[in-house]
N, C-alpha and C. Protein backbone atom coordinates (compact mmCIF):
# COMPACT_ATOMS: atom_id res chain seq x y z
N UNK A 1 202.16 84.43 59.74
CA UNK A 1 201.68 82.97 60.07
C UNK A 1 202.59 81.98 59.25
N UNK A 2 202.99 82.18 58.01
CA UNK A 2 203.63 81.01 57.02
C UNK A 2 204.97 81.07 57.72
N UNK A 3 205.56 82.01 58.11
CA UNK A 3 207.03 82.36 58.22
C UNK A 3 207.27 82.17 59.85
N UNK A 4 206.28 82.19 60.69
CA UNK A 4 206.32 82.13 62.04
C UNK A 4 207.55 81.12 62.58
N UNK A 5 207.50 79.86 62.02
CA UNK A 5 208.50 78.85 62.47
C UNK A 5 210.06 79.46 62.08
N UNK A 6 210.22 79.97 60.97
CA UNK A 6 211.23 80.38 60.60
C UNK A 6 211.93 81.66 61.28
N UNK A 7 210.82 82.26 61.52
CA UNK A 7 211.38 83.56 62.26
C UNK A 7 211.55 83.27 63.77
N UNK A 8 211.03 82.34 64.24
CA UNK A 8 211.46 81.82 65.79
C UNK A 8 212.79 81.29 65.77
N UNK A 9 213.14 80.50 64.64
CA UNK A 9 214.57 79.87 64.65
C UNK A 9 215.68 80.75 64.40
N UNK A 10 215.34 81.71 63.41
CA UNK A 10 216.36 82.71 62.88
C UNK A 10 215.69 84.20 62.77
N UNK A 11 215.39 84.99 63.78
CA UNK A 11 214.72 85.96 63.91
C UNK A 11 215.04 87.11 62.89
N UNK A 12 216.31 87.23 62.62
CA UNK A 12 217.00 88.25 61.69
C UNK A 12 217.34 87.72 60.25
N UNK A 13 217.10 86.55 60.17
CA UNK A 13 217.41 86.13 58.93
C UNK A 13 216.20 86.30 58.04
N UNK A 14 215.02 86.51 58.02
CA UNK A 14 213.92 86.95 57.35
C UNK A 14 214.07 88.41 56.77
N UNK A 15 214.71 89.14 57.83
CA UNK A 15 214.59 90.56 57.31
C UNK A 15 215.47 90.69 55.96
N UNK A 16 216.49 89.96 55.70
CA UNK A 16 217.11 90.06 54.50
C UNK A 16 216.21 89.41 53.30
N UNK A 17 215.17 88.63 53.75
CA UNK A 17 214.53 87.97 52.62
C UNK A 17 213.55 89.18 52.38
N UNK A 18 212.84 89.87 53.51
CA UNK A 18 211.75 90.93 52.88
C UNK A 18 212.45 91.96 52.32
N UNK A 19 213.73 92.53 52.70
CA UNK A 19 214.22 93.62 51.87
C UNK A 19 214.66 93.15 50.71
N UNK A 20 215.13 92.36 50.33
CA UNK A 20 215.34 91.63 49.00
C UNK A 20 213.99 91.44 48.14
N UNK A 21 212.96 91.05 48.65
CA UNK A 21 211.72 91.02 48.03
C UNK A 21 211.07 92.58 47.87
N UNK A 22 211.25 93.10 48.55
CA UNK A 22 210.65 94.45 48.43
C UNK A 22 211.73 95.51 47.40
N UNK A 23 213.26 94.92 47.48
CA UNK A 23 213.87 95.69 46.32
C UNK A 23 213.46 95.04 44.97
N UNK A 24 213.20 93.76 44.85
CA UNK A 24 212.72 93.11 43.55
C UNK A 24 211.42 93.95 43.08
N UNK A 25 210.59 93.83 44.04
CA UNK A 25 209.18 94.30 43.48
C UNK A 25 209.32 95.95 43.03
N UNK A 26 210.20 96.64 43.75
CA UNK A 26 210.26 98.10 43.66
C UNK A 26 210.69 98.21 42.11
N UNK A 27 211.35 97.24 41.61
CA UNK A 27 212.07 97.49 40.24
C UNK A 27 211.33 96.55 39.16
N UNK A 28 210.37 95.82 39.60
CA UNK A 28 209.86 94.93 38.73
C UNK A 28 209.25 95.27 37.36
N UNK A 29 208.95 96.41 37.41
CA UNK A 29 208.42 97.08 36.08
C UNK A 29 209.51 97.16 34.94
N UNK A 30 210.80 97.22 35.46
CA UNK A 30 211.75 97.24 34.65
C UNK A 30 212.49 95.93 34.15
N UNK A 31 212.08 94.91 34.57
CA UNK A 31 212.39 93.55 34.32
C UNK A 31 211.65 93.13 33.06
N UNK A 32 212.74 92.38 32.15
CA UNK A 32 211.77 91.81 30.83
C UNK A 32 210.71 90.66 31.15
N UNK A 33 209.66 90.62 30.53
CA UNK A 33 208.87 89.40 30.85
C UNK A 33 209.37 88.10 30.97
N UNK A 34 208.64 87.35 31.83
CA UNK A 34 209.60 85.82 31.95
C UNK A 34 209.65 85.27 30.69
N UNK A 35 208.62 85.29 29.82
CA UNK A 35 208.49 84.53 28.58
C UNK A 35 209.55 84.97 27.59
N UNK A 36 210.17 86.21 27.62
CA UNK A 36 211.02 86.72 26.57
C UNK A 36 212.47 86.52 27.23
N UNK A 37 213.09 86.32 26.11
CA UNK A 37 214.68 85.98 26.36
C UNK A 37 215.38 87.37 26.90
N UNK A 38 216.36 87.28 27.75
CA UNK A 38 216.93 88.55 28.17
C UNK A 38 218.10 88.74 27.23
N UNK A 39 218.50 87.92 26.15
CA UNK A 39 219.55 88.17 25.36
C UNK A 39 219.05 88.06 23.93
N UNK A 40 219.86 88.46 22.83
CA UNK A 40 219.57 88.38 21.42
C UNK A 40 219.92 86.95 21.15
N UNK A 41 219.19 86.55 20.05
CA UNK A 41 219.45 85.15 19.48
C UNK A 41 221.00 84.86 19.21
N UNK A 42 221.38 83.72 19.18
CA UNK A 42 222.78 83.42 18.69
C UNK A 42 222.74 82.97 17.19
N UNK A 43 221.48 82.88 16.48
CA UNK A 43 221.26 82.57 15.06
C UNK A 43 219.80 82.66 14.95
N UNK A 44 219.36 83.15 13.74
CA UNK A 44 218.12 83.15 13.17
C UNK A 44 217.95 82.53 11.82
N UNK A 45 216.76 82.22 11.55
CA UNK A 45 216.50 81.45 10.31
C UNK A 45 214.92 81.51 9.96
N UNK A 46 214.63 81.68 8.78
CA UNK A 46 213.27 81.76 8.38
C UNK A 46 212.62 83.09 8.17
N UNK A 47 211.39 83.21 7.82
CA UNK A 47 210.62 84.57 7.65
C UNK A 47 209.21 83.98 7.81
N UNK A 48 208.42 84.82 8.43
CA UNK A 48 206.87 84.38 8.65
C UNK A 48 206.40 83.63 7.17
N UNK A 49 205.74 82.58 7.45
CA UNK A 49 204.89 82.15 8.67
C UNK A 49 205.98 81.50 9.88
N UNK A 50 206.96 80.90 9.31
CA UNK A 50 207.67 80.23 10.54
C UNK A 50 209.39 80.91 10.53
N UNK A 51 209.77 81.27 11.78
CA UNK A 51 210.83 81.94 12.09
C UNK A 51 211.37 80.98 13.32
N UNK A 52 212.95 80.90 13.32
CA UNK A 52 213.47 80.28 14.43
C UNK A 52 214.63 80.82 14.86
N UNK A 53 214.78 80.89 16.08
CA UNK A 53 215.85 81.70 16.87
C UNK A 53 216.48 80.64 17.54
N UNK A 54 217.87 80.50 17.66
CA UNK A 54 218.88 79.78 18.40
C UNK A 54 219.42 80.61 19.52
N UNK A 55 219.06 79.98 20.78
CA UNK A 55 219.87 80.41 21.96
C UNK A 55 220.74 79.44 22.74
N UNK A 56 222.14 79.90 22.87
CA UNK A 56 222.89 78.80 23.75
C UNK A 56 223.31 79.79 24.85
N UNK A 57 223.50 79.00 25.97
CA UNK A 57 223.77 79.58 27.29
C UNK A 57 225.31 80.12 27.18
N UNK A 58 225.88 79.17 26.65
CA UNK A 58 227.44 79.65 26.13
C UNK A 58 228.01 79.14 24.95
N UNK A 59 228.91 79.81 24.27
CA UNK A 59 229.59 79.60 23.01
C UNK A 59 230.92 79.42 23.11
N UNK A 60 231.64 79.44 24.15
CA UNK A 60 232.50 78.83 24.54
C UNK A 60 232.63 77.67 25.25
N UNK A 61 233.22 76.39 24.58
CA UNK A 61 232.92 75.11 25.15
C UNK A 61 234.48 74.60 24.93
N UNK A 62 234.42 73.29 25.50
CA UNK A 62 235.65 72.41 25.70
C UNK A 62 235.21 71.05 24.93
N UNK A 63 236.33 70.35 24.72
CA UNK A 63 235.85 68.92 24.11
C UNK A 63 235.28 68.16 24.91
N UNK A 64 234.27 67.35 24.81
CA UNK A 64 233.45 66.45 25.59
C UNK A 64 232.30 67.16 26.26
N UNK A 65 232.24 68.66 26.51
CA UNK A 65 231.23 69.17 27.06
C UNK A 65 229.90 69.03 26.42
N UNK A 66 229.13 69.05 27.29
CA UNK A 66 227.39 69.18 26.72
C UNK A 66 226.98 70.58 26.66
N UNK A 67 226.28 70.86 25.77
CA UNK A 67 225.58 72.34 25.57
C UNK A 67 224.13 72.20 24.99
N UNK A 68 223.10 72.67 25.45
CA UNK A 68 221.74 72.78 25.01
C UNK A 68 221.68 73.99 24.23
N UNK A 69 221.01 73.50 23.00
CA UNK A 69 220.81 74.99 22.05
C UNK A 69 219.06 75.01 22.09
N UNK A 70 218.62 75.90 22.76
CA UNK A 70 217.17 76.02 22.70
C UNK A 70 216.95 76.94 21.42
N UNK A 71 215.73 76.20 20.72
CA UNK A 71 215.38 76.59 19.40
C UNK A 71 213.60 77.17 19.76
N UNK A 72 213.57 78.48 19.43
CA UNK A 72 212.44 79.22 19.73
C UNK A 72 211.81 79.32 18.20
N UNK A 73 210.65 78.48 18.15
CA UNK A 73 209.98 78.42 16.67
C UNK A 73 208.82 79.20 16.95
N UNK A 74 208.69 80.11 15.91
CA UNK A 74 207.35 81.15 16.18
C UNK A 74 206.68 80.87 14.86
N UNK A 75 205.48 80.52 14.88
CA UNK A 75 204.48 80.23 13.94
C UNK A 75 203.52 81.28 13.83
N UNK A 76 203.35 81.84 12.71
CA UNK A 76 202.40 83.15 12.51
C UNK A 76 200.92 82.23 12.29
N UNK A 77 200.10 83.17 12.80
CA UNK A 77 198.58 82.87 12.53
C UNK A 77 198.30 83.06 11.03
N UNK A 78 197.56 82.29 10.55
CA UNK A 78 196.61 81.24 10.96
C UNK A 78 197.47 79.74 10.76
N UNK A 79 198.71 79.84 10.65
CA UNK A 79 199.41 78.54 10.32
C UNK A 79 199.78 77.82 11.64
N UNK A 80 200.17 76.44 11.31
CA UNK A 80 200.74 75.43 12.40
C UNK A 80 201.64 74.90 11.45
N UNK A 81 202.51 74.07 12.58
CA UNK A 81 203.56 73.15 11.93
C UNK A 81 203.18 71.88 12.78
N UNK A 82 203.73 70.52 12.12
CA UNK A 82 203.41 69.26 12.51
C UNK A 82 204.38 68.75 13.70
N UNK A 83 203.91 67.91 14.68
CA UNK A 83 204.75 67.52 15.51
C UNK A 83 205.83 66.63 15.18
N UNK A 84 206.84 66.26 16.19
CA UNK A 84 207.75 65.26 15.51
C UNK A 84 207.49 63.96 15.22
N UNK A 85 206.50 63.54 15.67
CA UNK A 85 206.06 62.07 15.36
C UNK A 85 204.68 62.22 14.92
N UNK A 86 204.59 61.64 13.52
CA UNK A 86 203.05 61.56 12.91
C UNK A 86 202.69 60.20 12.42
N UNK A 87 201.66 59.93 12.53
CA UNK A 87 201.12 58.75 12.08
C UNK A 87 200.98 58.68 10.60
N UNK A 88 200.61 59.88 10.11
CA UNK A 88 200.30 60.05 8.73
C UNK A 88 201.66 60.27 7.96
N UNK A 89 201.74 59.45 6.80
CA UNK A 89 202.96 59.32 6.02
C UNK A 89 202.99 60.51 5.09
N UNK A 90 202.06 61.08 4.74
CA UNK A 90 202.04 62.32 3.70
C UNK A 90 202.25 63.53 4.51
N UNK A 91 202.48 63.49 5.76
CA UNK A 91 202.77 64.94 6.38
C UNK A 91 204.29 65.06 6.49
N UNK A 92 204.69 66.12 6.79
CA UNK A 92 205.96 66.55 7.21
C UNK A 92 206.23 66.73 8.50
N UNK A 93 206.86 65.79 9.44
CA UNK A 93 207.15 65.97 10.74
C UNK A 93 208.32 67.15 11.08
N UNK A 94 208.08 67.94 12.02
CA UNK A 94 209.09 68.92 12.30
C UNK A 94 210.48 67.94 13.04
N UNK A 95 211.40 68.28 12.31
CA UNK A 95 212.81 67.42 13.00
C UNK A 95 213.74 68.38 13.14
N UNK A 96 214.84 68.07 14.03
CA UNK A 96 215.98 69.08 14.20
C UNK A 96 217.19 68.05 14.05
N UNK A 97 218.17 68.44 13.03
CA UNK A 97 219.28 67.48 12.90
C UNK A 97 220.59 68.56 12.94
N UNK A 98 221.65 68.15 13.39
CA UNK A 98 222.86 68.75 13.40
C UNK A 98 223.55 68.51 12.19
N UNK A 99 223.83 69.33 11.32
CA UNK A 99 224.37 69.09 10.00
C UNK A 99 225.78 69.36 9.56
N UNK A 100 226.31 70.15 10.64
CA UNK A 100 227.60 70.52 10.51
C UNK A 100 228.32 70.76 11.86
N UNK A 101 229.77 70.20 12.33
CA UNK A 101 230.30 70.77 13.34
C UNK A 101 230.75 69.82 14.36
N UNK A 102 231.79 70.02 15.06
CA UNK A 102 232.54 68.97 15.67
C UNK A 102 231.64 68.42 17.20
N UNK A 103 230.49 67.99 16.77
CA UNK A 103 229.63 67.56 17.93
C UNK A 103 228.71 66.58 17.51
N UNK A 104 228.04 65.83 18.39
CA UNK A 104 226.95 64.92 18.10
C UNK A 104 225.43 65.48 18.74
N UNK A 105 224.44 65.36 18.11
CA UNK A 105 223.08 65.64 18.73
C UNK A 105 222.55 64.58 19.60
N UNK A 106 222.13 64.81 20.61
CA UNK A 106 221.28 64.03 21.33
C UNK A 106 220.20 63.86 21.26
N UNK A 107 219.20 63.30 22.13
CA UNK A 107 217.85 63.10 22.01
C UNK A 107 217.27 64.59 22.07
N UNK A 108 216.57 65.09 20.92
CA UNK A 108 216.18 66.42 20.68
C UNK A 108 214.72 66.44 21.68
N UNK A 109 214.44 67.39 22.63
CA UNK A 109 213.24 67.32 23.67
C UNK A 109 212.28 68.39 22.98
N UNK A 110 211.19 67.84 22.62
CA UNK A 110 210.13 68.73 21.99
C UNK A 110 209.12 68.72 22.95
N UNK A 111 208.39 70.12 22.83
CA UNK A 111 207.19 70.01 23.85
C UNK A 111 206.04 69.28 23.26
N UNK A 112 205.10 68.65 24.34
CA UNK A 112 204.03 68.16 23.92
C UNK A 112 203.05 68.80 22.89
N UNK A 113 202.91 68.19 21.72
CA UNK A 113 202.28 68.91 20.55
C UNK A 113 200.77 69.07 20.81
N UNK A 114 200.00 69.74 20.33
CA UNK A 114 198.58 69.89 20.50
C UNK A 114 197.78 68.65 19.55
N UNK A 115 196.95 67.99 20.33
CA UNK A 115 196.34 66.99 19.26
C UNK A 115 195.26 67.78 18.82
N UNK A 116 195.06 67.83 17.45
CA UNK A 116 193.77 68.69 16.90
C UNK A 116 193.21 67.76 15.70
N UNK A 117 191.93 67.87 15.40
CA UNK A 117 191.51 67.26 14.28
C UNK A 117 191.70 68.19 13.16
N UNK A 118 192.54 67.57 12.05
CA UNK A 118 193.05 68.45 10.89
C UNK A 118 191.93 68.58 10.00
N UNK A 119 191.43 70.06 9.76
CA UNK A 119 190.16 70.32 8.69
C UNK A 119 190.19 69.58 7.46
N UNK A 120 191.48 69.52 7.11
CA UNK A 120 191.53 68.83 5.59
C UNK A 120 191.39 67.21 5.59
N UNK A 121 192.27 66.82 6.41
CA UNK A 121 192.45 65.18 6.66
C UNK A 121 191.30 64.65 7.33
N UNK A 122 190.60 65.43 8.19
CA UNK A 122 189.43 64.67 9.22
C UNK A 122 189.83 63.93 10.00
N UNK A 123 191.17 63.99 10.51
CA UNK A 123 191.50 63.09 11.52
C UNK A 123 192.52 63.82 12.44
N UNK A 124 192.86 63.26 13.59
CA UNK A 124 193.59 63.82 14.75
C UNK A 124 195.10 63.89 14.12
N UNK A 125 195.85 65.00 14.33
CA UNK A 125 197.04 65.24 14.36
C UNK A 125 197.71 65.81 15.50
N UNK A 126 199.15 65.73 15.63
CA UNK A 126 200.11 66.54 16.61
C UNK A 126 200.58 67.60 15.72
N UNK A 127 200.15 68.99 16.34
CA UNK A 127 200.56 69.86 15.56
C UNK A 127 201.03 71.00 16.83
N UNK A 128 201.83 72.07 16.40
CA UNK A 128 202.16 73.35 17.18
C UNK A 128 201.85 74.41 16.39
N UNK A 129 201.38 75.57 17.30
CA UNK A 129 201.17 76.69 16.56
C UNK A 129 201.64 77.93 17.76
N UNK A 130 201.44 79.31 17.22
CA UNK A 130 202.11 80.00 18.05
C UNK A 130 203.45 80.05 18.24
N UNK A 131 203.99 79.90 19.36
CA UNK A 131 205.52 79.60 19.81
C UNK A 131 205.77 78.66 20.59
N UNK A 132 207.06 77.86 20.25
CA UNK A 132 207.21 76.77 20.88
C UNK A 132 208.73 76.59 20.94
N UNK A 133 209.37 76.10 22.15
CA UNK A 133 210.75 76.05 22.30
C UNK A 133 211.16 74.33 22.44
N UNK A 134 212.09 74.05 21.55
CA UNK A 134 212.68 72.98 21.28
C UNK A 134 214.09 73.04 21.75
N UNK A 135 214.40 71.94 22.77
CA UNK A 135 216.00 71.80 23.23
C UNK A 135 216.50 70.67 22.40
N UNK A 136 217.85 71.17 21.78
CA UNK A 136 218.80 70.23 21.11
C UNK A 136 219.96 70.29 21.76
N UNK A 137 220.18 68.87 22.55
CA UNK A 137 221.38 68.84 23.36
C UNK A 137 222.55 68.30 22.53
N UNK A 138 223.61 68.80 22.54
CA UNK A 138 224.82 68.53 21.89
C UNK A 138 225.88 68.24 22.81
N UNK A 139 226.83 67.42 22.17
CA UNK A 139 228.13 67.05 23.18
C UNK A 139 229.16 67.36 21.97
N UNK A 140 230.23 68.26 22.56
CA UNK A 140 231.17 68.49 21.59
C UNK A 140 232.13 67.35 21.77
N UNK A 141 232.67 67.19 20.48
CA UNK A 141 233.53 65.83 20.11
C UNK A 141 234.67 65.99 21.08
N UNK A 142 235.19 64.94 21.47
CA UNK A 142 236.39 64.87 22.53
C UNK A 142 237.71 65.24 21.83
N UNK A 143 237.66 65.06 20.45
CA UNK A 143 238.81 65.20 19.66
C UNK A 143 238.70 66.73 18.95
N UNK A 144 237.59 67.59 19.38
CA UNK A 144 237.47 68.84 18.63
C UNK A 144 238.81 69.44 18.88
N UNK A 145 239.26 70.18 17.85
CA UNK A 145 240.37 70.99 17.62
C UNK A 145 240.06 72.16 18.43
N UNK A 146 241.19 72.93 18.88
CA UNK A 146 240.74 74.05 19.63
C UNK A 146 240.83 75.27 18.60
N UNK A 147 240.02 76.26 18.91
CA UNK A 147 240.00 77.35 17.92
C UNK A 147 238.37 77.73 17.75
N UNK A 148 238.01 78.58 16.53
CA UNK A 148 237.05 78.86 16.03
C UNK A 148 236.43 77.83 15.16
N UNK A 149 234.94 77.66 15.61
CA UNK A 149 234.26 76.37 14.52
C UNK A 149 232.93 76.99 14.78
N UNK A 150 232.06 76.11 14.14
CA UNK A 150 230.59 76.44 14.16
C UNK A 150 229.86 75.29 14.32
N UNK A 151 228.82 75.22 14.75
CA UNK A 151 227.61 74.09 14.93
C UNK A 151 226.47 74.46 14.01
N UNK A 152 226.06 73.65 13.18
CA UNK A 152 224.95 74.09 12.18
C UNK A 152 223.74 73.09 12.43
N UNK A 153 222.69 73.74 12.78
CA UNK A 153 221.30 72.85 13.10
C UNK A 153 220.61 73.08 12.03
N UNK A 154 219.86 72.08 11.45
CA UNK A 154 218.78 72.27 10.48
C UNK A 154 217.51 71.85 11.02
N UNK A 155 216.44 72.64 10.99
CA UNK A 155 215.16 72.53 11.48
C UNK A 155 214.23 72.13 10.11
N UNK A 156 213.69 71.05 9.95
CA UNK A 156 212.84 70.89 9.02
C UNK A 156 211.28 70.90 9.22
N UNK A 157 210.44 71.71 8.75
CA UNK A 157 209.18 71.93 9.14
C UNK A 157 208.09 72.27 7.96
N UNK A 158 206.98 72.04 8.01
CA UNK A 158 206.23 72.45 7.01
C UNK A 158 204.79 73.35 7.34
N UNK A 159 204.59 74.52 7.13
CA UNK A 159 203.85 75.57 7.58
C UNK A 159 202.55 75.22 6.99
N UNK A 160 201.31 74.97 7.43
CA UNK A 160 200.06 74.76 6.96
C UNK A 160 198.83 75.58 7.49
N UNK A 161 197.92 75.83 6.81
CA UNK A 161 196.72 76.25 7.51
C UNK A 161 195.66 75.44 7.41
N UNK A 162 194.23 75.92 7.60
CA UNK A 162 193.06 74.84 7.61
C UNK A 162 192.74 74.84 6.19
N UNK A 163 193.49 75.10 5.05
CA UNK A 163 193.14 74.79 3.74
C UNK A 163 194.22 74.14 3.07
N UNK A 164 195.42 74.51 3.12
CA UNK A 164 196.63 74.18 2.38
C UNK A 164 197.77 74.17 3.10
N UNK A 165 198.91 73.55 2.61
CA UNK A 165 200.03 73.64 3.29
C UNK A 165 201.16 74.08 2.43
N UNK A 166 202.35 74.88 2.91
CA UNK A 166 203.10 75.50 2.17
C UNK A 166 204.49 74.48 1.69
N UNK A 167 205.16 74.70 0.90
CA UNK A 167 206.20 73.47 0.80
C UNK A 167 206.99 73.34 1.95
N UNK A 168 207.60 72.07 2.44
CA UNK A 168 208.45 71.95 3.37
C UNK A 168 209.67 72.85 3.42
N UNK A 169 210.24 73.46 4.43
CA UNK A 169 211.23 74.07 4.29
C UNK A 169 212.62 73.65 5.38
N UNK A 170 213.58 73.82 4.96
CA UNK A 170 214.69 73.59 5.85
C UNK A 170 215.34 74.86 6.27
N UNK A 171 215.31 74.90 7.63
CA UNK A 171 215.89 76.46 8.45
C UNK A 171 217.03 76.04 8.78
N UNK A 172 218.18 76.74 8.34
CA UNK A 172 219.61 76.37 8.80
C UNK A 172 219.80 77.39 9.91
N UNK A 173 220.64 77.06 10.87
CA UNK A 173 221.11 77.99 11.84
C UNK A 173 222.48 77.74 12.22
N UNK A 174 223.34 78.70 11.98
CA UNK A 174 224.80 78.31 12.39
C UNK A 174 225.10 78.98 13.55
N UNK A 175 225.65 78.57 14.70
CA UNK A 175 226.22 79.17 15.67
C UNK A 175 227.82 79.19 15.88
N UNK A 176 228.57 80.32 15.65
CA UNK A 176 229.76 80.06 16.09
C UNK A 176 230.27 79.77 17.59
N UNK A 177 231.14 78.86 17.36
CA UNK A 177 231.63 78.54 18.86
C UNK A 177 233.18 78.52 19.16
N UNK A 178 233.78 78.70 20.34
CA UNK A 178 235.10 78.73 20.46
C UNK A 178 235.28 77.53 21.31
N UNK A 179 236.08 76.68 20.77
CA UNK A 179 236.78 75.39 21.49
C UNK A 179 237.93 75.77 22.08
N UNK A 180 237.86 75.82 23.43
CA UNK A 180 239.03 75.86 24.29
C UNK A 180 239.55 74.45 24.82
N UNK A 181 241.01 74.12 24.76
CA UNK A 181 241.55 73.04 25.23
C UNK A 181 241.17 72.90 26.83
N UNK A 182 241.36 71.91 27.29
CA UNK A 182 241.13 71.94 28.96
C UNK A 182 242.67 72.01 29.56
């Protein structure tokens, strides 16, 4: 019933769709889960309770090109880290900075943090737990020289549980890049 209009206008076109769906479903158990990356991280930093993996769609770039770096932050239970914008001056916000490389960092895209009442402070705070992905958009400098280079991102975060916080940490991730001239 749902495909009746399409089938009437293109009776053989849906055969390909149905065959493709059947082939996909036949091998679906061999595919990686949707929430798991299909490739290894390009850079890794930290150890539990906080680990960070960096993923780039491509590491061969051209001057002036934009590239998004996905930063998957994994926070072990029972810990959490704070969101990027905090009203409390004594808490360490999670931040991302480009600390080295022939590029500029655009506006970092953070997921919406959870609003939770902190058991120690007794006030609502923005926090992350479990696993979150942050997107760091980079633009390669127009005058970047051709050849091998690297982009270094630093993520600053502080892991806390419901009783205390660990010291703030800087997690450094260096991604090798090849810059090709146009």
